[in-house]
Amino acid sequence: MNGAWRPTAAMSALHRRASMLSATREYFAKLGVLEVETPILSAAAVSDPQIESLATRVAGMPSPSYLCTSPEYAMKRLLAAGSGDIYQICRVFRDAERGRWHNPEFTLVEWYRVGYDDAALMTEVEALVGRLLEPWRRLESAERLSYSAALQRHAGVDAHTASDADLAEAARRHDINCDAELDRDAKLDLLMGLVVGPRLGLQQPCFICDYPASQASLARLKPGLPPVAARFELYLDGVELANGFHELADAAQQRQRFTHDLRVRRSKGQLELPLDEHLLAALAAGMPDCAGVALGFDRLVAIALGAPQLADAMAFTIDNA
């Protein structure tokens, strides 16, 4: 207990973290991307059933306030107001996330580029990650692999046509036993998280793109069949680093997705959280065509260090905060 006051990261790691923060700001400054700050507390919360918000009470406010899980909603309001290209480095909070690569409080680098689609933004993500790791590690060019191809290659199932029984059998083949009742997307997430993800980005960075339409989140859908989302994730050394979208700008479609999320939360016995009506109003007013991405900064620092866990890249974790 006497040593619990000490940082979880070595001082040399914190110096490297600081240099990477400085390099991130230099990168965006050279591109003319505006740094912004948005509130950590909000009257609304994320509806995604896979993410749990942390709530607090503010004196004089009639309802709870929620700590942001991402600055996305507020940044989109700035985009609709005419901000142009923007980025933010901020602390975010997610409940029920604690482990080797998770902490309830962590740092995101999130940015939005007007006129970009998901393919263009992947190129920029690759450039930034390469720039930040360059002093310690030179990366090969990134691979781009569809979600379907990744599941086929590493789990032996077709993400679009496999039955629930096929997905369950694939899990068993890889020694995954789960007694919980899971819907189709949860079964796919299980395979992606435990089987596919750890095998990605081992030789070179790997972008997984064209997610199933049911996992579009805040991304627009691409034309054609089967329907897929203009969404990507970046993996390096088997670790997910970033999640990006060609952003959905249709307010009516976004409300439908939020409403669907709330129905799912209700069916699972989760809290039904208040929707962000300010975001929906901003989309209705007109958000420019853009792509956005959130990069897990702590994870990237850990990879730069060659560290086996997030704690080695953070001054303090929830366990000794």
C-alpha atoms as a PDB file:
ATOM      1  CA  MET A   1       0.000   0.000   0.000  1.00  0.00           C
ATOM      2  CA  ASN A   2       2.892   2.366   0.760  1.00  0.00           C
ATOM      3  CA  GLY A   3       3.891   2.399  -2.914  1.00  0.00           C
ATOM      4  CA  ALA A   4       0.367   2.971  -4.243  1.00  0.00           C
ATOM      5  CA  TRP A   5       1.029   6.705  -4.575  1.00  0.00           C
ATOM      6  CA  ARG A   6       3.636   6.131  -7.278  1.00  0.00           C
ATOM      7  CA  PRO A   7       2.829   6.576 -10.991  1.00  0.00           C
ATOM      8  CA  THR A   8       2.062   3.430 -12.960  1.00  0.00           C
ATOM      9  CA  ALA A   9       4.232   4.665 -15.870  1.00  0.00           C
ATOM     10  CA  ALA A  10       7.968   5.254 -15.722  1.00  0.00           C
ATOM     11  CA  MET A  11       9.124   8.864 -15.977  1.00  0.00           C
ATOM     12  CA  SER A  12      10.812   8.027 -19.290  1.00  0.00           C
ATOM     13  CA  ALA A  13       7.421   6.865 -20.595  1.00  0.00           C
ATOM     14  CA  LEU A  14       5.764  10.099 -19.492  1.00  0.00           C
ATOM     15  CA  HIS A  15       8.458  12.093 -21.321  1.00  0.00           C
ATOM     16  CA  ARG A  16       7.765  10.085 -24.471  1.00  0.00           C
ATOM     17  CA  ARG A  17       4.026  10.654 -24.021  1.00  0.00           C
ATOM     18  CA  ALA A  18       4.627  14.412 -23.759  1.00  0.00           C
ATOM     19  CA  SER A  19       6.713  14.430 -26.942  1.00  0.00           C
ATOM     20  CA  MET A  20       3.960  12.546 -28.786  1.00  0.00           C
ATOM     21  CA  LEU A  21       1.355  15.055 -27.587  1.00  0.00           C
ATOM     22  CA  SER A  22       3.534  17.899 -28.839  1.00  0.00           C
ATOM     23  CA  ALA A  23       4.058  16.148 -32.189  1.00  0.00           C
ATOM     24  CA  THR A  24       0.293  15.641 -32.558  1.00  0.00           C
ATOM     25  CA  ARG A  25      -0.362  19.355 -32.151  1.00  0.00           C
ATOM     26  CA  GLU A  26       2.461  20.209 -34.552  1.00  0.00           C
ATOM     27  CA  TYR A  27       1.007  17.816 -37.146  1.00  0.00           C
ATOM     28  CA  PHE A  28      -2.423  19.424 -37.114  1.00  0.00           C
ATOM     29  CA  ALA A  29      -1.031  22.951 -36.938  1.00  0.00           C
ATOM     30  CA  LYS A  30       0.897  22.370 -40.170  1.00  0.00           C
ATOM     31  CA  LEU A  31      -2.326  21.178 -41.824  1.00  0.00           C
ATOM     32  CA  GLY A  32      -4.272  24.195 -40.588  1.00  0.00           C
ATOM     33  CA  VAL A  33      -6.684  22.073 -38.538  1.00  0.00           C
ATOM     34  CA  LEU A  34      -8.178  24.062 -35.658  1.00  0.00           C
ATOM     35  CA  GLU A  35      -7.783  22.773 -32.101  1.00  0.00           C
ATOM     36  CA  VAL A  36     -11.035  23.030 -30.132  1.00  0.00           C
ATOM     37  CA  GLU A  37     -12.314  22.246 -26.654  1.00  0.00           C
ATOM     38  CA  THR A  38     -15.827  21.041 -25.870  1.00  0.00           C
ATOM     39  CA  PRO A  39     -17.557  20.209 -22.564  1.00  0.00           C
ATOM     40  CA  ILE A  40     -16.861  16.998 -20.700  1.00  0.00           C
ATOM     41  CA  LEU A  41     -20.284  17.199 -19.022  1.00  0.00           C
ATOM     42  CA  SER A  42     -23.509  17.022 -21.022  1.00  0.00           C
ATOM     43  CA  ALA A  43     -27.233  16.699 -20.367  1.00  0.00           C
ATOM     44  CA  ALA A  44     -27.321  13.974 -23.054  1.00  0.00           C
ATOM     45  CA  ALA A  45     -25.541  10.636 -23.297  1.00  0.00           C
ATOM     46  CA  VAL A  46     -24.478   8.131 -25.920  1.00  0.00           C
ATOM     47  CA  SER A  47     -27.203   5.658 -26.882  1.00  0.00           C
ATOM     48  CA  ASP A  48     -24.886   2.863 -28.100  1.00  0.00           C
ATOM     49  CA  PRO A  49     -25.711  -0.322 -26.125  1.00  0.00           C
ATOM     50  CA  GLN A  50     -22.011  -1.284 -26.171  1.00  0.00           C
ATOM     51  CA  ILE A  51     -20.974   1.864 -24.276  1.00  0.00           C
ATOM     52  CA  GLU A  52     -21.964   2.852 -20.742  1.00  0.00           C
ATOM     53  CA  SER A  53     -21.807   6.478 -19.628  1.00  0.00           C
ATOM     54  CA  LEU A  54     -20.806   7.744 -16.207  1.00  0.00           C
ATOM     55  CA  ALA A  55     -23.241  10.160 -14.564  1.00  0.00           C
ATOM     56  CA  THR A  56     -22.875  12.834 -11.903  1.00  0.00           C
ATOM     57  CA  ARG A  57     -25.105  15.437 -10.272  1.00  0.00           C
ATOM     58  CA  VAL A  58     -24.576  19.171 -10.703  1.00  0.00           C
ATOM     59  CA  ALA A  59     -26.153  21.441  -8.098  1.00  0.00           C
ATOM     60  CA  GLY A  60     -29.214  23.237  -9.438  1.00  0.00           C
ATOM     61  CA  MET A  61     -29.638  20.932 -12.439  1.00  0.00           C
ATOM     62  CA  PRO A  62     -32.857  18.862 -12.484  1.00  0.00           C
ATOM     63  CA  SER A  63     -31.326  15.801 -14.148  1.00  0.00           C
ATOM     64  CA  PRO A  64     -27.992  13.985 -14.084  1.00  0.00           C
ATOM     65  CA  SER A  65     -25.134  15.183 -16.232  1.00  0.00           C
ATOM     66  CA  TYR A  66     -23.079  12.650 -18.174  1.00  0.00           C
ATOM     67  CA  LEU A  67     -19.327  12.559 -18.673  1.00  0.00           C
ATOM     68  CA  CYS A  68     -18.583  12.412 -22.374  1.00  0.00           C
ATOM     69  CA  THR A  69     -17.589   9.071 -23.868  1.00  0.00           C
ATOM     70  CA  SER A  70     -16.322  10.954 -26.932  1.00  0.00           C
ATOM     71  CA  PRO A  71     -16.377  14.637 -27.960  1.00  0.00           C
ATOM     72  CA  GLU A  72     -18.081  13.623 -31.224  1.00  0.00           C
ATOM     73  CA  TYR A  73     -21.514  15.146 -30.677  1.00  0.00           C
ATOM     74  CA  ALA A  74     -20.231  18.549 -29.606  1.00  0.00           C
ATOM     75  CA  MET A  75     -17.627  18.636 -32.371  1.00  0.00           C
ATOM     76  CA  LYS A  76     -20.312  17.933 -34.963  1.00  0.00           C
ATOM     77  CA  ARG A  77     -22.253  20.905 -33.636  1.00  0.00           C
ATOM     78  CA  LEU A  78     -19.152  23.029 -34.285  1.00  0.00           C
ATOM     79  CA  LEU A  79     -18.896  21.622 -37.807  1.00  0.00           C
ATOM     80  CA  ALA A  80     -22.531  22.535 -38.465  1.00  0.00           C
ATOM     81  CA  ALA A  81     -21.786  26.041 -37.189  1.00  0.00           C
ATOM     82  CA  GLY A  82     -19.034  26.445 -39.795  1.00  0.00           C
ATOM     83  CA  SER A  83     -15.850  25.596 -37.889  1.00  0.00           C
ATOM     84  CA  GLY A  84     -14.163  23.817 -40.772  1.00  0.00           C
ATOM     85  CA  ASP A  85     -11.540  21.145 -40.034  1.00  0.00           C
ATOM     86  CA  ILE A  86     -11.140  20.587 -36.283  1.00  0.00           C
ATOM     87  CA  TYR A  87      -9.362  18.335 -33.807  1.00  0.00           C
ATOM     88  CA  GLN A  88      -9.345  17.800 -30.065  1.00  0.00           C
ATOM     89  CA  ILE A  89      -7.173  16.018 -27.515  1.00  0.00           C
ATOM     90  CA  CYS A  90      -9.349  15.264 -24.522  1.00  0.00           C
ATOM     91  CA  ARG A  91     -10.138  13.010 -21.597  1.00  0.00           C
ATOM     92  CA  VAL A  92     -13.182  10.788 -22.027  1.00  0.00           C
ATOM     93  CA  PHE A  93     -14.976   8.410 -19.682  1.00  0.00           C
ATOM     94  CA  ARG A  94     -16.653   5.016 -20.094  1.00  0.00           C
ATOM     95  CA  ASP A  95     -18.086   2.871 -17.355  1.00  0.00           C
ATOM     96  CA  ALA A  96     -17.427  -0.890 -17.123  1.00  0.00           C
ATOM     97  CA  GLU A  97     -14.127  -0.579 -19.027  1.00  0.00           C
ATOM     98  CA  ARG A  98     -11.172  -1.739 -16.958  1.00  0.00           C
ATOM     99  CA  GLY A  99      -8.422  -4.134 -17.906  1.00  0.00           C
ATOM    100  CA  ARG A 100      -5.144  -4.602 -19.737  1.00  0.00           C
ATOM    101  CA  TRP A 101      -6.111  -2.248 -22.586  1.00  0.00           C
ATOM    102  CA  HIS A 102      -8.982  -0.379 -20.915  1.00  0.00           C
ATOM    103  CA  ASN A 103      -9.362   2.288 -18.243  1.00  0.00           C
ATOM    104  CA  PRO A 104     -12.598   4.162 -17.387  1.00  0.00           C
ATOM    105  CA  GLU A 105     -10.791   7.462 -18.055  1.00  0.00           C
ATOM    106  CA  PHE A 106      -8.556   7.778 -21.100  1.00  0.00           C
ATOM    107  CA  THR A 107      -7.346  10.175 -23.789  1.00  0.00           C
ATOM    108  CA  LEU A 108      -8.710  10.461 -27.318  1.00  0.00           C
ATOM    109  CA  VAL A 109      -7.386  12.376 -30.287  1.00  0.00           C
ATOM    110  CA  GLU A 110     -10.479  13.067 -32.349  1.00  0.00           C
ATOM    111  CA  TRP A 111     -10.607  15.002 -35.597  1.00  0.00           C
ATOM    112  CA  TYR A 112     -12.912  15.844 -38.522  1.00  0.00           C
ATOM    113  CA  ARG A 113     -11.995  16.706 -42.085  1.00  0.00           C
ATOM    114  CA  VAL A 114     -14.509  18.464 -44.302  1.00  0.00           C
ATOM    115  CA  GLY A 115     -14.831  16.972 -47.790  1.00  0.00           C
ATOM    116  CA  TYR A 116     -13.120  13.706 -46.803  1.00  0.00           C
ATOM    117  CA  ASP A 117     -14.615  10.235 -47.031  1.00  0.00           C
ATOM    118  CA  ASP A 118     -13.512   7.203 -45.018  1.00  0.00           C
ATOM    119  CA  ALA A 119     -10.845   6.199 -47.565  1.00  0.00           C
ATOM    120  CA  ALA A 120      -9.205   9.645 -47.516  1.00  0.00           C
ATOM    121  CA  LEU A 121      -9.257   9.773 -43.734  1.00  0.00           C
ATOM    122  CA  MET A 122      -7.595   6.346 -43.468  1.00  0.00           C
ATOM    123  CA  THR A 123      -4.669   7.784 -45.418  1.00  0.00           C
ATOM    124  CA  GLU A 124      -4.386  10.653 -42.946  1.00  0.00           C
ATOM    125  CA  VAL A 125      -4.680   8.381 -39.904  1.00  0.00           C
ATOM    126  CA  GLU A 126      -1.844   6.270 -41.304  1.00  0.00           C
ATOM    127  CA  ALA A 127       0.268   9.398 -41.808  1.00  0.00           C
ATOM    128  CA  LEU A 128      -0.292  10.680 -38.254  1.00  0.00           C
ATOM    129  CA  VAL A 129       0.368   7.312 -36.600  1.00  0.00           C
ATOM    130  CA  GLY A 130       3.509   6.886 -38.682  1.00  0.00           C
ATOM    131  CA  ARG A 131       4.662  10.383 -37.726  1.00  0.00           C
ATOM    132  CA  LEU A 132       4.113   9.776 -34.002  1.00  0.00           C
ATOM    133  CA  LEU A 133       5.892   6.400 -34.003  1.00  0.00           C
ATOM    134  CA  GLU A 134       8.685   7.399 -36.395  1.00  0.00           C
ATOM    135  CA  PRO A 135      11.338   8.285 -33.761  1.00  0.00           C
ATOM    136  CA  TRP A 136      11.106   4.761 -32.340  1.00  0.00           C
ATOM    137  CA  ARG A 137       9.664   2.582 -35.086  1.00  0.00           C
ATOM    138  CA  ARG A 138       9.231   2.765 -38.854  1.00  0.00           C
ATOM    139  CA  LEU A 139       5.960   1.263 -40.094  1.00  0.00           C
ATOM    140  CA  GLU A 140       5.272  -0.605 -43.303  1.00  0.00           C
ATOM    141  CA  SER A 141       2.406   0.653 -45.479  1.00  0.00           C
ATOM    142  CA  ALA A 142      -0.962  -0.219 -43.993  1.00  0.00           C
ATOM    143  CA  GLU A 143      -3.117  -3.068 -45.241  1.00  0.00           C
ATOM    144  CA  ARG A 144      -6.801  -2.355 -45.955  1.00  0.00           C
ATOM    145  CA  LEU A 145      -9.050  -5.329 -45.352  1.00  0.00           C
ATOM    146  CA  SER A 146     -12.831  -5.507 -45.392  1.00  0.00           C
ATOM    147  CA  TYR A 147     -14.597  -6.682 -42.246  1.00  0.00           C
ATOM    148  CA  SER A 148     -15.939  -9.639 -44.186  1.00  0.00           C
ATOM    149  CA  ALA A 149     -12.503 -10.633 -45.497  1.00  0.00           C
ATOM    150  CA  ALA A 150     -10.984 -10.360 -42.021  1.00  0.00           C
ATOM    151  CA  LEU A 151     -13.635 -12.642 -40.477  1.00  0.00           C
ATOM    152  CA  GLN A 152     -13.196 -15.129 -43.326  1.00  0.00           C
ATOM    153  CA  ARG A 153      -9.413 -15.146 -43.073  1.00  0.00           C
ATOM    154  CA  HIS A 154      -9.053 -15.442 -39.311  1.00  0.00           C
ATOM    155  CA  ALA A 155     -12.346 -16.957 -38.071  1.00  0.00           C
ATOM    156  CA  GLY A 156     -13.488 -18.924 -41.118  1.00  0.00           C
ATOM    157  CA  VAL A 157     -16.971 -17.421 -41.374  1.00  0.00           C
ATOM    158  CA  ASP A 158     -18.776 -15.078 -43.761  1.00  0.00           C
ATOM    159  CA  ALA A 159     -19.900 -12.030 -41.781  1.00  0.00           C
ATOM    160  CA  HIS A 160     -22.851 -11.420 -44.119  1.00  0.00           C
ATOM    161  CA  THR A 161     -24.252 -14.910 -44.721  1.00  0.00           C
ATOM    162  CA  ALA A 162     -23.214 -17.020 -41.715  1.00  0.00           C
ATOM    163  CA  SER A 163     -26.079 -18.239 -39.546  1.00  0.00           C
ATOM    164  CA  ASP A 164     -26.087 -17.820 -35.767  1.00  0.00           C
ATOM    165  CA  ALA A 165     -25.166 -21.504 -35.551  1.00  0.00           C
ATOM    166  CA  ASP A 166     -22.192 -20.903 -37.878  1.00  0.00           C
ATOM    167  CA  LEU A 167     -20.991 -18.053 -35.657  1.00  0.00           C
ATOM    168  CA  ALA A 168     -21.376 -20.167 -32.523  1.00  0.00           C
ATOM    169  CA  GLU A 169     -19.457 -23.015 -34.149  1.00  0.00           C
ATOM    170  CA  ALA A 170     -16.652 -20.645 -35.187  1.00  0.00           C
ATOM    171  CA  ALA A 171     -16.388 -19.477 -31.574  1.00  0.00           C
ATOM    172  CA  ARG A 172     -16.166 -23.074 -30.345  1.00  0.00           C
ATOM    173  CA  ARG A 173     -13.448 -23.864 -32.895  1.00  0.00           C
ATOM    174  CA  HIS A 174     -11.398 -21.112 -31.306  1.00  0.00           C
ATOM    175  CA  ASP A 175     -12.069 -22.297 -27.747  1.00  0.00           C
ATOM    176  CA  ILE A 176     -14.523 -19.517 -26.922  1.00  0.00           C
ATOM    177  CA  ASN A 177     -17.339 -20.632 -24.654  1.00  0.00           C
ATOM    178  CA  CYS A 178     -20.044 -18.086 -23.890  1.00  0.00           C
ATOM    179  CA  ASP A 179     -23.265 -19.052 -22.149  1.00  0.00           C
ATOM    180  CA  ALA A 180     -24.815 -15.579 -22.410  1.00  0.00           C
ATOM    181  CA  GLU A 181     -27.649 -14.927 -24.854  1.00  0.00           C
ATOM    182  CA  LEU A 182     -26.060 -12.835 -27.594  1.00  0.00           C
ATOM    183  CA  ASP A 183     -27.593 -11.176 -30.626  1.00  0.00           C
ATOM    184  CA  ARG A 184     -25.918 -11.500 -34.022  1.00  0.00           C
ATOM    185  CA  ASP A 185     -23.790  -8.363 -33.735  1.00  0.00           C
ATOM    186  CA  ALA A 186     -22.616  -9.392 -30.267  1.00  0.00           C
ATOM    187  CA  LYS A 187     -21.532 -12.762 -31.671  1.00  0.00           C
ATOM    188  CA  LEU A 188     -19.624 -11.026 -34.447  1.00  0.00           C
ATOM    189  CA  ASP A 189     -18.057  -8.684 -31.877  1.00  0.00           C
ATOM    190  CA  LEU A 190     -16.976 -11.696 -29.848  1.00  0.00           C
ATOM    191  CA  LEU A 191     -15.163 -13.180 -32.836  1.00  0.00           C
ATOM    192  CA  MET A 192     -13.683  -9.828 -33.841  1.00  0.00           C
ATOM    193  CA  GLY A 193     -12.501  -9.044 -30.325  1.00  0.00           C
ATOM    194  CA  LEU A 194     -11.106 -12.432 -29.299  1.00  0.00           C
ATOM    195  CA  VAL A 195     -10.146 -14.140 -32.556  1.00  0.00           C
ATOM    196  CA  VAL A 196      -9.641 -11.630 -35.353  1.00  0.00           C
ATOM    197  CA  GLY A 197      -8.386  -8.466 -33.649  1.00  0.00           C
ATOM    198  CA  PRO A 198      -5.365 -10.022 -31.906  1.00  0.00           C
ATOM    199  CA  ARG A 199      -4.170 -11.317 -35.318  1.00  0.00           C
ATOM    200  CA  LEU A 200      -4.350  -7.934 -37.052  1.00  0.00           C
ATOM    201  CA  GLY A 201      -1.547  -5.450 -37.626  1.00  0.00           C
ATOM    202  CA  LEU A 202       1.246  -7.803 -36.591  1.00  0.00           C
ATOM    203  CA  GLN A 203       3.412  -7.205 -39.674  1.00  0.00           C
ATOM    204  CA  GLN A 204       2.009  -3.849 -40.773  1.00  0.00           C
ATOM    205  CA  PRO A 205      -0.833  -1.544 -39.680  1.00  0.00           C
ATOM    206  CA  CYS A 206      -4.209  -2.923 -40.744  1.00  0.00           C
ATOM    207  CA  PHE A 207      -7.392  -0.996 -41.467  1.00  0.00           C
ATOM    208  CA  ILE A 208     -10.605  -2.994 -41.184  1.00  0.00           C
ATOM    209  CA  CYS A 209     -13.284  -1.280 -43.278  1.00  0.00           C
ATOM    210  CA  ASP A 210     -16.782  -1.773 -44.702  1.00  0.00           C
ATOM    211  CA  TYR A 211     -18.438  -2.911 -41.487  1.00  0.00           C
ATOM    212  CA  PRO A 212     -21.875  -4.585 -41.612  1.00  0.00           C
ATOM    213  CA  ALA A 213     -24.690  -2.050 -41.897  1.00  0.00           C
ATOM    214  CA  SER A 214     -25.961  -3.123 -38.467  1.00  0.00           C
ATOM    215  CA  GLN A 215     -22.709  -1.785 -37.015  1.00  0.00           C
ATOM    216  CA  ALA A 216     -22.819   1.559 -38.805  1.00  0.00           C
ATOM    217  CA  SER A 217     -23.138   3.556 -35.584  1.00  0.00           C
ATOM    218  CA  LEU A 218     -22.813   7.166 -36.794  1.00  0.00           C
ATOM    219  CA  ALA A 219     -21.472   6.287 -40.258  1.00  0.00           C
ATOM    220  CA  ARG A 220     -23.332   6.573 -43.542  1.00  0.00           C
ATOM    221  CA  LEU A 221     -24.064   3.441 -45.571  1.00  0.00           C
ATOM    222  CA  LYS A 222     -22.352   2.718 -48.867  1.00  0.00           C
ATOM    223  CA  PRO A 223     -24.388   1.906 -51.981  1.00  0.00           C
ATOM    224  CA  GLY A 224     -24.576  -1.689 -53.172  1.00  0.00           C
ATOM    225  CA  LEU A 225     -25.144  -5.149 -51.696  1.00  0.00           C
ATOM    226  CA  PRO A 226     -24.594  -6.437 -49.146  1.00  0.00           C
ATOM    227  CA  PRO A 227     -25.110  -3.118 -47.334  1.00  0.00           C
ATOM    228  CA  VAL A 228     -21.972  -1.983 -45.508  1.00  0.00           C
ATOM    229  CA  ALA A 229     -21.050   1.067 -43.465  1.00  0.00           C
ATOM    230  CA  ALA A 230     -18.430   3.660 -44.372  1.00  0.00           C
ATOM    231  CA  ARG A 231     -16.630   2.813 -41.143  1.00  0.00           C
ATOM    232  CA  PHE A 232     -13.078   1.704 -40.395  1.00  0.00           C
ATOM    233  CA  GLU A 233     -10.901   0.675 -37.480  1.00  0.00           C
ATOM    234  CA  LEU A 234      -7.108   0.669 -37.305  1.00  0.00           C
ATOM    235  CA  TYR A 235      -5.188  -2.197 -35.712  1.00  0.00           C
ATOM    236  CA  LEU A 236      -1.506  -2.376 -34.876  1.00  0.00           C
ATOM    237  CA  ASP A 237       0.182  -5.201 -32.951  1.00  0.00           C
ATOM    238  CA  GLY A 238      -3.235  -6.796 -32.428  1.00  0.00           C
ATOM    239  CA  VAL A 239      -4.570  -3.679 -30.673  1.00  0.00           C
ATOM    240  CA  GLU A 240      -7.444  -1.525 -31.926  1.00  0.00           C
ATOM    241  CA  LEU A 241      -6.234   2.069 -32.114  1.00  0.00           C
ATOM    242  CA  ALA A 242      -8.846   4.085 -33.999  1.00  0.00           C
ATOM    243  CA  ASN A 243     -12.474   4.086 -35.123  1.00  0.00           C
ATOM    244  CA  GLY A 244     -13.567   6.338 -37.977  1.00  0.00           C
ATOM    245  CA  PHE A 245     -16.565   7.121 -40.178  1.00  0.00           C
ATOM    246  CA  HIS A 246     -17.672   8.903 -43.293  1.00  0.00           C
ATOM    247  CA  GLU A 247     -20.127  10.742 -41.103  1.00  0.00           C
ATOM    248  CA  LEU A 248     -23.874  10.384 -41.343  1.00  0.00           C
ATOM    249  CA  ALA A 249     -25.319  13.892 -41.801  1.00  0.00           C
ATOM    250  CA  ASP A 250     -29.023  13.010 -42.125  1.00  0.00           C
ATOM    251  CA  ALA A 251     -30.869  14.031 -38.948  1.00  0.00           C
ATOM    252  CA  ALA A 252     -33.882  11.782 -39.564  1.00  0.00           C
ATOM    253  CA  GLN A 253     -31.719   8.686 -40.125  1.00  0.00           C
ATOM    254  CA  GLN A 254     -29.629   9.507 -37.081  1.00  0.00           C
ATOM    255  CA  ARG A 255     -32.735   9.826 -34.904  1.00  0.00           C
ATOM    256  CA  GLN A 256     -33.948   6.442 -36.191  1.00  0.00           C
ATOM    257  CA  ARG A 257     -30.621   4.859 -35.224  1.00  0.00           C
ATOM    258  CA  PHE A 258     -30.684   6.461 -31.775  1.00  0.00           C
ATOM    259  CA  THR A 259     -34.253   5.249 -31.256  1.00  0.00           C
ATOM    260  CA  HIS A 260     -33.253   1.734 -32.309  1.00  0.00           C
ATOM    261  CA  ASP A 261     -30.358   1.860 -29.821  1.00  0.00           C
ATOM    262  CA  LEU A 262     -32.769   2.785 -27.037  1.00  0.00           C
ATOM    263  CA  ARG A 263     -35.019  -0.163 -27.928  1.00  0.00           C
ATOM    264  CA  VAL A 264     -32.019  -2.483 -27.720  1.00  0.00           C
ATOM    265  CA  ARG A 265     -30.994  -0.992 -24.382  1.00  0.00           C
ATOM    266  CA  ARG A 266     -34.542  -1.472 -23.094  1.00  0.00           C
ATOM    267  CA  SER A 267     -34.580  -5.113 -24.188  1.00  0.00           C
ATOM    268  CA  LYS A 268     -31.305  -5.736 -22.340  1.00  0.00           C
ATOM    269  CA  GLY A 269     -32.418  -3.997 -19.157  1.00  0.00           C
ATOM    270  CA  GLN A 270     -29.948  -1.145 -19.628  1.00  0.00           C
ATOM    271  CA  LEU A 271     -30.663   2.459 -18.711  1.00  0.00           C
ATOM    272  CA  GLU A 272     -32.438   4.470 -21.416  1.00  0.00           C
ATOM    273  CA  LEU A 273     -30.394   7.631 -21.619  1.00  0.00           C
ATOM    274  CA  PRO A 274     -31.470  11.057 -22.928  1.00  0.00           C
ATOM    275  CA  LEU A 275     -30.720  11.686 -26.593  1.00  0.00           C
ATOM    276  CA  ASP A 276     -28.627  14.641 -27.685  1.00  0.00           C
ATOM    277  CA  GLU A 277     -31.277  16.865 -29.239  1.00  0.00           C
ATOM    278  CA  HIS A 278     -28.660  19.566 -29.818  1.00  0.00           C
ATOM    279  CA  LEU A 279     -26.754  17.206 -32.114  1.00  0.00           C
ATOM    280  CA  LEU A 280     -29.914  16.268 -34.007  1.00  0.00           C
ATOM    281  CA  ALA A 281     -30.778  19.955 -34.428  1.00  0.00           C
ATOM    282  CA  ALA A 282     -27.268  20.627 -35.744  1.00  0.00           C
ATOM    283  CA  LEU A 283     -27.607  17.826 -38.301  1.00  0.00           C
ATOM    284  CA  ALA A 284     -30.991  19.193 -39.347  1.00  0.00           C
ATOM    285  CA  ALA A 285     -29.449  22.650 -39.784  1.00  0.00           C
ATOM    286  CA  GLY A 286     -26.819  21.141 -42.062  1.00  0.00           C
ATOM    287  CA  MET A 287     -23.481  19.543 -41.216  1.00  0.00           C
ATOM    288  CA  PRO A 288     -20.965  19.554 -44.077  1.00  0.00           C
ATOM    289  CA  ASP A 289     -19.894  16.331 -45.771  1.00  0.00           C
ATOM    290  CA  CYS A 290     -16.999  15.102 -43.647  1.00  0.00           C
ATOM    291  CA  ALA A 291     -15.181  12.159 -42.127  1.00  0.00           C
ATOM    292  CA  GLY A 292     -14.111  11.833 -38.512  1.00  0.00           C
ATOM    293  CA  VAL A 293     -12.015   9.512 -36.381  1.00  0.00           C
ATOM    294  CA  ALA A 294     -11.181   8.885 -32.732  1.00  0.00           C
ATOM    295  CA  LEU A 295      -7.661   7.624 -31.956  1.00  0.00           C
ATOM    296  CA  GLY A 296      -6.848   6.025 -28.593  1.00  0.00           C
ATOM    297  CA  PHE A 297      -3.811   8.034 -27.571  1.00  0.00           C
ATOM    298  CA  ASP A 298      -2.853   5.972 -24.498  1.00  0.00           C
ATOM    299  CA  ARG A 299      -2.811   2.783 -26.577  1.00  0.00           C
ATOM    300  CA  LEU A 300      -0.616   4.422 -29.197  1.00  0.00           C
ATOM    301  CA  VAL A 301       1.836   5.541 -26.509  1.00  0.00           C
ATOM    302  CA  ALA A 302       1.915   1.993 -25.130  1.00  0.00           C
ATOM    303  CA  ILE A 303       2.737   0.663 -28.606  1.00  0.00           C
ATOM    304  CA  ALA A 304       5.484   3.288 -28.981  1.00  0.00           C
ATOM    305  CA  LEU A 305       6.920   2.038 -25.688  1.00  0.00           C
ATOM    306  CA  GLY A 306       6.562  -1.628 -26.637  1.00  0.00           C
ATOM    307  CA  ALA A 307       4.529  -1.937 -23.440  1.00  0.00           C
ATOM    308  CA  PRO A 308       2.195  -4.885 -22.739  1.00  0.00           C
ATOM    309  CA  GLN A 309      -0.539  -2.823 -21.059  1.00  0.00           C
ATOM    310  CA  LEU A 310      -2.169   0.592 -20.941  1.00  0.00           C
ATOM    311  CA  ALA A 311      -0.969   1.306 -17.400  1.00  0.00           C
ATOM    312  CA  ASP A 312       2.614   1.643 -18.659  1.00  0.00           C
ATOM    313  CA  ALA A 313       1.567   4.639 -20.779  1.00  0.00           C
ATOM    314  CA  MET A 314      -0.501   6.509 -18.156  1.00  0.00           C
ATOM    315  CA  ALA A 315       0.601   8.386 -15.050  1.00  0.00           C
ATOM    316  CA  PHE A 316      -2.178   6.796 -12.998  1.00  0.00           C
ATOM    317  CA  THR A 317      -4.963   4.325 -13.706  1.00  0.00           C
ATOM    318  CA  ILE A 318      -8.286   3.931 -11.922  1.00  0.00           C
ATOM    319  CA  ASP A 319      -6.586   1.516  -9.512  1.00  0.00           C
ATOM    320  CA  ASN A 320      -4.349   4.181  -7.986  1.00  0.00           C
ATOM    321  CA  ALA A 321      -6.051   7.408  -9.034  1.00  0.00           C
END
